[in-house]
Amino acid sequence: MLDFVKYYVFDEKHKAVAVQIPIDDFERIENVMENFGLAQMMDETEDDERLCRDDALSYYRSAVDELES
């Protein structure tokens, strides 16, 4: 389990409504989530057809172009 400092934010009724954490801790959590998501995607696509290098690069470039437009 990740250890990190949490600062609770309370509303006027003293109900906890948010948590603040240091940016370094947030970035560690983000990294864990990205790695988990990548691992899940790899598991889900394990049986999918593999692309050759040229086809994979072409697919990647078209995806990047689509995101940038």
PDB file of N, CA and C in Angstrom:
ATOM      1  N   MET A   1       0.847  -1.180   0.000  1.00  0.00           N
ATOM      2  CA  MET A   1       0.000   0.000   0.000  1.00  0.00           C
ATOM      3  C   MET A   1       0.890   1.240   0.000  1.00  0.00           C
ATOM      4  N   LEU A   2       0.474   2.252  -0.728  1.00  0.00           N
ATOM      5  CA  LEU A   2       1.216   3.505  -0.756  1.00  0.00           C
ATOM      6  C   LEU A   2       0.943   4.305   0.514  1.00  0.00           C
ATOM      7  N   ASP A   3       2.012   4.813   1.105  1.00  0.00           N
ATOM      8  CA  ASP A   3       1.859   5.700   2.255  1.00  0.00           C
ATOM      9  C   ASP A   3       2.010   7.135   1.778  1.00  0.00           C
ATOM     10  N   PHE A   4       1.070   7.981   2.153  1.00  0.00           N
ATOM     11  CA  PHE A   4       1.174   9.387   1.820  1.00  0.00           C
ATOM     12  C   PHE A   4       0.366  10.224   2.802  1.00  0.00           C
ATOM     13  N   VAL A   5       0.731  11.490   2.877  1.00  0.00           N
ATOM     14  CA  VAL A   5       0.077  12.428   3.788  1.00  0.00           C
ATOM     15  C   VAL A   5      -1.210  12.921   3.154  1.00  0.00           C
ATOM     16  N   LYS A   6      -2.295  12.974   3.939  1.00  0.00           N
ATOM     17  CA  LYS A   6      -3.581  13.462   3.448  1.00  0.00           C
ATOM     18  C   LYS A   6      -4.008  14.648   4.304  1.00  0.00           C
ATOM     19  N   TYR A   7      -4.517  15.669   3.665  1.00  0.00           N
ATOM     20  CA  TYR A   7      -5.079  16.831   4.352  1.00  0.00           C
ATOM     21  C   TYR A   7      -6.558  16.900   3.984  1.00  0.00           C
ATOM     22  N   TYR A   8      -7.402  16.775   4.979  1.00  0.00           N
ATOM     23  CA  TYR A   8      -8.837  16.781   4.729  1.00  0.00           C
ATOM     24  C   TYR A   8      -9.371  18.207   4.664  1.00  0.00           C
ATOM     25  N   VAL A   9     -10.313  18.424   3.762  1.00  0.00           N
ATOM     26  CA  VAL A   9     -10.997  19.712   3.619  1.00  0.00           C
ATOM     27  C   VAL A   9     -12.439  19.491   4.093  1.00  0.00           C
ATOM     28  N   PHE A  10     -12.893  20.368   4.999  1.00  0.00           N
ATOM     29  CA  PHE A  10     -14.220  20.244   5.582  1.00  0.00           C
ATOM     30  C   PHE A  10     -15.106  21.411   5.159  1.00  0.00           C
ATOM     31  N   ASP A  11     -16.406  21.133   5.069  1.00  0.00           N
ATOM     32  CA  ASP A  11     -17.344  22.216   4.789  1.00  0.00           C
ATOM     33  C   ASP A  11     -17.762  22.872   6.095  1.00  0.00           C
ATOM     34  N   GLU A  12     -18.699  23.831   5.996  1.00  0.00           N
ATOM     35  CA  GLU A  12     -19.114  24.582   7.182  1.00  0.00           C
ATOM     36  C   GLU A  12     -19.834  23.719   8.218  1.00  0.00           C
ATOM     37  N   LYS A  13     -20.277  22.530   7.796  1.00  0.00           N
ATOM     38  CA  LYS A  13     -20.925  21.609   8.735  1.00  0.00           C
ATOM     39  C   LYS A  13     -19.936  20.569   9.273  1.00  0.00           C
ATOM     40  N   HIS A  14     -18.658  20.809   9.019  1.00  0.00           N
ATOM     41  CA  HIS A  14     -17.570  19.937   9.478  1.00  0.00           C
ATOM     42  C   HIS A  14     -17.612  18.545   8.858  1.00  0.00           C
ATOM     43  N   LYS A  15     -18.181  18.485   7.655  1.00  0.00           N
ATOM     44  CA  LYS A  15     -18.213  17.236   6.902  1.00  0.00           C
ATOM     45  C   LYS A  15     -17.023  17.232   5.932  1.00  0.00           C
ATOM     46  N   ALA A  16     -16.269  16.137   5.930  1.00  0.00           N
ATOM     47  CA  ALA A  16     -15.144  16.031   5.002  1.00  0.00           C
ATOM     48  C   ALA A  16     -15.670  16.001   3.567  1.00  0.00           C
ATOM     49  N   VAL A  17     -15.174  16.910   2.732  1.00  0.00           N
ATOM     50  CA  VAL A  17     -15.655  17.012   1.355  1.00  0.00           C
ATOM     51  C   VAL A  17     -14.550  16.808   0.316  1.00  0.00           C
ATOM     52  N   ALA A  18     -13.301  16.818   0.760  1.00  0.00           N
ATOM     53  CA  ALA A  18     -12.192  16.670  -0.177  1.00  0.00           C
ATOM     54  C   ALA A  18     -10.933  16.289   0.587  1.00  0.00           C
ATOM     55  N   VAL A  19      -9.936  15.855  -0.175  1.00  0.00           N
ATOM     56  CA  VAL A  19      -8.638  15.522   0.387  1.00  0.00           C
ATOM     57  C   VAL A  19      -7.572  16.173  -0.472  1.00  0.00           C
ATOM     58  N   GLN A  20      -6.600  16.767   0.172  1.00  0.00           N
ATOM     59  CA  GLN A  20      -5.445  17.308  -0.535  1.00  0.00           C
ATOM     60  C   GLN A  20      -4.254  16.412  -0.233  1.00  0.00           C
ATOM     61  N   ILE A  21      -3.432  16.177  -1.262  1.00  0.00           N
ATOM     62  CA  ILE A  21      -2.219  15.396  -1.075  1.00  0.00           C
ATOM     63  C   ILE A  21      -1.073  16.116  -1.782  1.00  0.00           C
ATOM     64  N   PRO A  22       0.156  15.926  -1.319  1.00  0.00           N
ATOM     65  CA  PRO A  22       1.297  16.528  -2.000  1.00  0.00           C
ATOM     66  C   PRO A  22       1.397  16.043  -3.450  1.00  0.00           C
ATOM     67  N   ILE A  23       1.883  16.908  -4.324  1.00  0.00           N
ATOM     68  CA  ILE A  23       1.951  16.591  -5.757  1.00  0.00           C
ATOM     69  C   ILE A  23       2.793  15.353  -6.028  1.00  0.00           C
ATOM     70  N   ASP A  24       3.870  15.153  -5.276  1.00  0.00           N
ATOM     71  CA  ASP A  24       4.697  13.957  -5.471  1.00  0.00           C
ATOM     72  C   ASP A  24       3.891  12.690  -5.210  1.00  0.00           C
ATOM     73  N   ASP A  25       3.064  12.709  -4.166  1.00  0.00           N
ATOM     74  CA  ASP A  25       2.219  11.551  -3.865  1.00  0.00           C
ATOM     75  C   ASP A  25       1.172  11.348  -4.955  1.00  0.00           C
ATOM     76  N   PHE A  26       0.596  12.448  -5.435  1.00  0.00           N
ATOM     77  CA  PHE A  26      -0.389  12.354  -6.519  1.00  0.00           C
ATOM     78  C   PHE A  26       0.241  11.724  -7.753  1.00  0.00           C
ATOM     79  N   GLU A  27       1.456  12.140  -8.094  1.00  0.00           N
ATOM     80  CA  GLU A  27       2.129  11.602  -9.269  1.00  0.00           C
ATOM     81  C   GLU A  27       2.450  10.120  -9.097  1.00  0.00           C
ATOM     82  N   ARG A  28       2.786   9.686  -7.875  1.00  0.00           N
ATOM     83  CA  ARG A  28       3.012   8.259  -7.612  1.00  0.00           C
ATOM     84  C   ARG A  28       1.719   7.473  -7.812  1.00  0.00           C
ATOM     85  N   ILE A  29       0.607   8.002  -7.296  1.00  0.00           N
ATOM     86  CA  ILE A  29      -0.695   7.344  -7.454  1.00  0.00           C
ATOM     87  C   ILE A  29      -1.061   7.270  -8.933  1.00  0.00           C
ATOM     88  N   GLU A  30      -0.849   8.364  -9.646  1.00  0.00           N
ATOM     89  CA  GLU A  30      -1.146   8.407 -11.080  1.00  0.00           C
ATOM     90  C   GLU A  30      -0.340   7.341 -11.834  1.00  0.00           C
ATOM     91  N   ASN A  31       0.925   7.206 -11.474  1.00  0.00           N
ATOM     92  CA  ASN A  31       1.798   6.227 -12.109  1.00  0.00           C
ATOM     93  C   ASN A  31       1.298   4.804 -11.853  1.00  0.00           C
ATOM     94  N   VAL A  32       0.896   4.516 -10.616  1.00  0.00           N
ATOM     95  CA  VAL A  32       0.364   3.195 -10.285  1.00  0.00           C
ATOM     96  C   VAL A  32      -0.895   2.916 -11.098  1.00  0.00           C
ATOM     97  N   MET A  33      -1.781   3.909 -11.198  1.00  0.00           N
ATOM     98  CA  MET A  33      -3.025   3.727 -11.951  1.00  0.00           C
ATOM     99  C   MET A  33      -2.745   3.489 -13.431  1.00  0.00           C
ATOM    100  N   GLU A  34      -1.806   4.234 -13.998  1.00  0.00           N
ATOM    101  CA  GLU A  34      -1.465   4.044 -15.410  1.00  0.00           C
ATOM    102  C   GLU A  34      -0.889   2.649 -15.645  1.00  0.00           C
ATOM    103  N   ASN A  35       0.003   2.208 -14.749  1.00  0.00           N
ATOM    104  CA  ASN A  35       0.594   0.877 -14.893  1.00  0.00           C
ATOM    105  C   ASN A  35      -0.463  -0.213 -14.758  1.00  0.00           C
ATOM    106  N   PHE A  36      -1.395  -0.037 -13.829  1.00  0.00           N
ATOM    107  CA  PHE A  36      -2.478  -1.000 -13.657  1.00  0.00           C
ATOM    108  C   PHE A  36      -3.335  -1.066 -14.918  1.00  0.00           C
ATOM    109  N   GLY A  37      -3.687   0.103 -15.449  1.00  0.00           N
ATOM    110  CA  GLY A  37      -4.495   0.150 -16.665  1.00  0.00           C
ATOM    111  C   GLY A  37      -3.780  -0.493 -17.842  1.00  0.00           C
ATOM    112  N   LEU A  38      -2.490  -0.237 -17.961  1.00  0.00           N
ATOM    113  CA  LEU A  38      -1.712  -0.837 -19.042  1.00  0.00           C
ATOM    114  C   LEU A  38      -1.671  -2.352 -18.896  1.00  0.00           C
ATOM    115  N   ALA A  39      -1.462  -2.831 -17.670  1.00  0.00           N
ATOM    116  CA  ALA A  39      -1.418  -4.275 -17.435  1.00  0.00           C
ATOM    117  C   ALA A  39      -2.764  -4.916 -17.786  1.00  0.00           C
ATOM    118  N   GLN A  40      -3.852  -4.253 -17.412  1.00  0.00           N
ATOM    119  CA  GLN A  40      -5.184  -4.787 -17.739  1.00  0.00           C
ATOM    120  C   GLN A  40      -5.398  -4.823 -19.250  1.00  0.00           C
ATOM    121  N   MET A  41      -4.997  -3.756 -19.931  1.00  0.00           N
ATOM    122  CA  MET A  41      -5.162  -3.709 -21.387  1.00  0.00           C
ATOM    123  C   MET A  41      -4.340  -4.816 -22.045  1.00  0.00           C
ATOM    124  N   MET A  42      -3.141  -5.040 -21.536  1.00  0.00           N
ATOM    125  CA  MET A  42      -2.303  -6.098 -22.094  1.00  0.00           C
ATOM    126  C   MET A  42      -2.958  -7.466 -21.897  1.00  0.00           C
ATOM    127  N   ASP A  43      -3.541  -7.685 -20.717  1.00  0.00           N
ATOM    128  CA  ASP A  43      -4.238  -8.949 -20.460  1.00  0.00           C
ATOM    129  C   ASP A  43      -5.440  -9.113 -21.379  1.00  0.00           C
ATOM    130  N   GLU A  44      -6.196  -8.032 -21.580  1.00  0.00           N
ATOM    131  CA  GLU A  44      -7.411  -8.093 -22.396  1.00  0.00           C
ATOM    132  C   GLU A  44      -7.110  -8.339 -23.867  1.00  0.00           C
ATOM    133  N   THR A  45      -5.955  -7.906 -24.328  1.00  0.00           N
ATOM    134  CA  THR A  45      -5.631  -8.025 -25.756  1.00  0.00           C
ATOM    135  C   THR A  45      -4.619  -9.126 -26.041  1.00  0.00           C
ATOM    136  N   GLU A  46      -4.361  -9.964 -25.047  1.00  0.00           N
ATOM    137  CA  GLU A  46      -3.344 -11.003 -25.191  1.00  0.00           C
ATOM    138  C   GLU A  46      -3.596 -11.915 -26.394  1.00  0.00           C
ATOM    139  N   ASP A  47      -4.841 -12.206 -26.677  1.00  0.00           N
ATOM    140  CA  ASP A  47      -5.181 -13.116 -27.774  1.00  0.00           C
ATOM    141  C   ASP A  47      -5.455 -12.394 -29.095  1.00  0.00           C
ATOM    142  N   ASP A  48      -5.367 -11.054 -29.099  1.00  0.00           N
ATOM    143  CA  ASP A  48      -5.625 -10.296 -30.324  1.00  0.00           C
ATOM    144  C   ASP A  48      -4.502 -10.504 -31.337  1.00  0.00           C
ATOM    145  N   GLU A  49      -4.843 -10.253 -32.586  1.00  0.00           N
ATOM    146  CA  GLU A  49      -3.867 -10.369 -33.661  1.00  0.00           C
ATOM    147  C   GLU A  49      -2.750  -9.343 -33.461  1.00  0.00           C
ATOM    148  N   ARG A  50      -1.534  -9.760 -33.680  1.00  0.00           N
ATOM    149  CA  ARG A  50      -0.381  -8.875 -33.549  1.00  0.00           C
ATOM    150  C   ARG A  50      -0.098  -8.198 -34.900  1.00  0.00           C
ATOM    151  N   LEU A  51       0.355  -6.943 -34.834  1.00  0.00           N
ATOM    152  CA  LEU A  51       0.711  -6.218 -36.046  1.00  0.00           C
ATOM    153  C   LEU A  51       2.216  -6.313 -36.265  1.00  0.00           C
ATOM    154  N   CYS A  52       2.621  -6.323 -37.517  1.00  0.00           N
ATOM    155  CA  CYS A  52       4.046  -6.234 -37.802  1.00  0.00           C
ATOM    156  C   CYS A  52       4.491  -4.809 -37.483  1.00  0.00           C
ATOM    157  N   ARG A  53       5.788  -4.589 -37.430  1.00  0.00           N
ATOM    158  CA  ARG A  53       6.333  -3.288 -37.031  1.00  0.00           C
ATOM    159  C   ARG A  53       5.799  -2.157 -37.899  1.00  0.00           C
ATOM    160  N   ASP A  54       5.834  -2.318 -39.207  1.00  0.00           N
ATOM    161  CA  ASP A  54       5.398  -1.254 -40.115  1.00  0.00           C
ATOM    162  C   ASP A  54       3.912  -0.945 -39.950  1.00  0.00           C
ATOM    163  N   ASP A  55       3.100  -1.980 -39.817  1.00  0.00           N
ATOM    164  CA  ASP A  55       1.664  -1.770 -39.613  1.00  0.00           C
ATOM    165  C   ASP A  55       1.397  -1.089 -38.272  1.00  0.00           C
ATOM    166  N   ALA A  56       2.146  -1.483 -37.249  1.00  0.00           N
ATOM    167  CA  ALA A  56       1.974  -0.877 -35.927  1.00  0.00           C
ATOM    168  C   ALA A  56       2.351   0.604 -35.959  1.00  0.00           C
ATOM    169  N   LEU A  57       3.453   0.946 -36.620  1.00  0.00           N
ATOM    170  CA  LEU A  57       3.862   2.347 -36.737  1.00  0.00           C
ATOM    171  C   LEU A  57       2.834   3.160 -37.521  1.00  0.00           C
ATOM    172  N   SER A  58       2.318   2.586 -38.572  1.00  0.00           N
ATOM    173  CA  SER A  58       1.298   3.265 -39.365  1.00  0.00           C
ATOM    174  C   SER A  58       0.042   3.518 -38.532  1.00  0.00           C
ATOM    175  N   TYR A  59      -0.379   2.511 -37.783  1.00  0.00           N
ATOM    176  CA  TYR A  59      -1.556   2.652 -36.924  1.00  0.00           C
ATOM    177  C   TYR A  59      -1.316   3.729 -35.867  1.00  0.00           C
ATOM    178  N   TYR A  60      -0.132   3.701 -35.248  1.00  0.00           N
ATOM    179  CA  TYR A  60       0.218   4.683 -34.223  1.00  0.00           C
ATOM    180  C   TYR A  60       0.201   6.098 -34.796  1.00  0.00           C
ATOM    181  N   ARG A  61       0.812   6.280 -35.957  1.00  0.00           N
ATOM    182  CA  ARG A  61       0.868   7.618 -36.572  1.00  0.00           C
ATOM    183  C   ARG A  61      -0.531   8.130 -36.914  1.00  0.00           C
ATOM    184  N   SER A  62      -1.385   7.245 -37.421  1.00  0.00           N
ATOM    185  CA  SER A  62      -2.748   7.686 -37.745  1.00  0.00           C
ATOM    186  C   SER A  62      -3.527   8.040 -36.474  1.00  0.00           C
ATOM    187  N   ALA A  63      -3.292   7.316 -35.380  1.00  0.00           N
ATOM    188  CA  ALA A  63      -3.955   7.640 -34.114  1.00  0.00           C
ATOM    189  C   ALA A  63      -3.477   8.982 -33.586  1.00  0.00           C
ATOM    190  N   VAL A  64      -2.176   9.254 -33.674  1.00  0.00           N
ATOM    191  CA  VAL A  64      -1.614  10.537 -33.235  1.00  0.00           C
ATOM    192  C   VAL A  64      -2.168  11.673 -34.093  1.00  0.00           C
ATOM    193  N   ASP A  65      -2.193  11.472 -35.400  1.00  0.00           N
ATOM    194  CA  ASP A  65      -2.730  12.491 -36.308  1.00  0.00           C
ATOM    195  C   ASP A  65      -4.185  12.798 -35.979  1.00  0.00           C
ATOM    196  N   GLU A  66      -4.951  11.759 -35.690  1.00  0.00           N
ATOM    197  CA  GLU A  66      -6.371  11.947 -35.356  1.00  0.00           C
ATOM    198  C   GLU A  66      -6.530  12.736 -34.048  1.00  0.00           C
ATOM    199  N   LEU A  67      -5.689  12.456 -33.072  1.00  0.00           N
ATOM    200  CA  LEU A  67      -5.753  13.181 -31.799  1.00  0.00           C
ATOM    201  C   LEU A  67      -5.346  14.645 -31.957  1.00  0.00           C
ATOM    202  N   GLU A  68      -4.391  14.918 -32.841  1.00  0.00           N
ATOM    203  CA  GLU A  68      -3.910  16.276 -33.017  1.00  0.00           C
ATOM    204  C   GLU A  68      -4.833  17.135 -33.870  1.00  0.00           C
ATOM    205  N   SER A  69      -5.724  16.522 -34.635  1.00  0.00           N
ATOM    206  CA  SER A  69      -6.608  17.305 -35.502  1.00  0.00           C
ATOM    207  C   SER A  69      -7.928  17.611 -34.834  1.00  0.00           C
TER     208      SER A  69
END
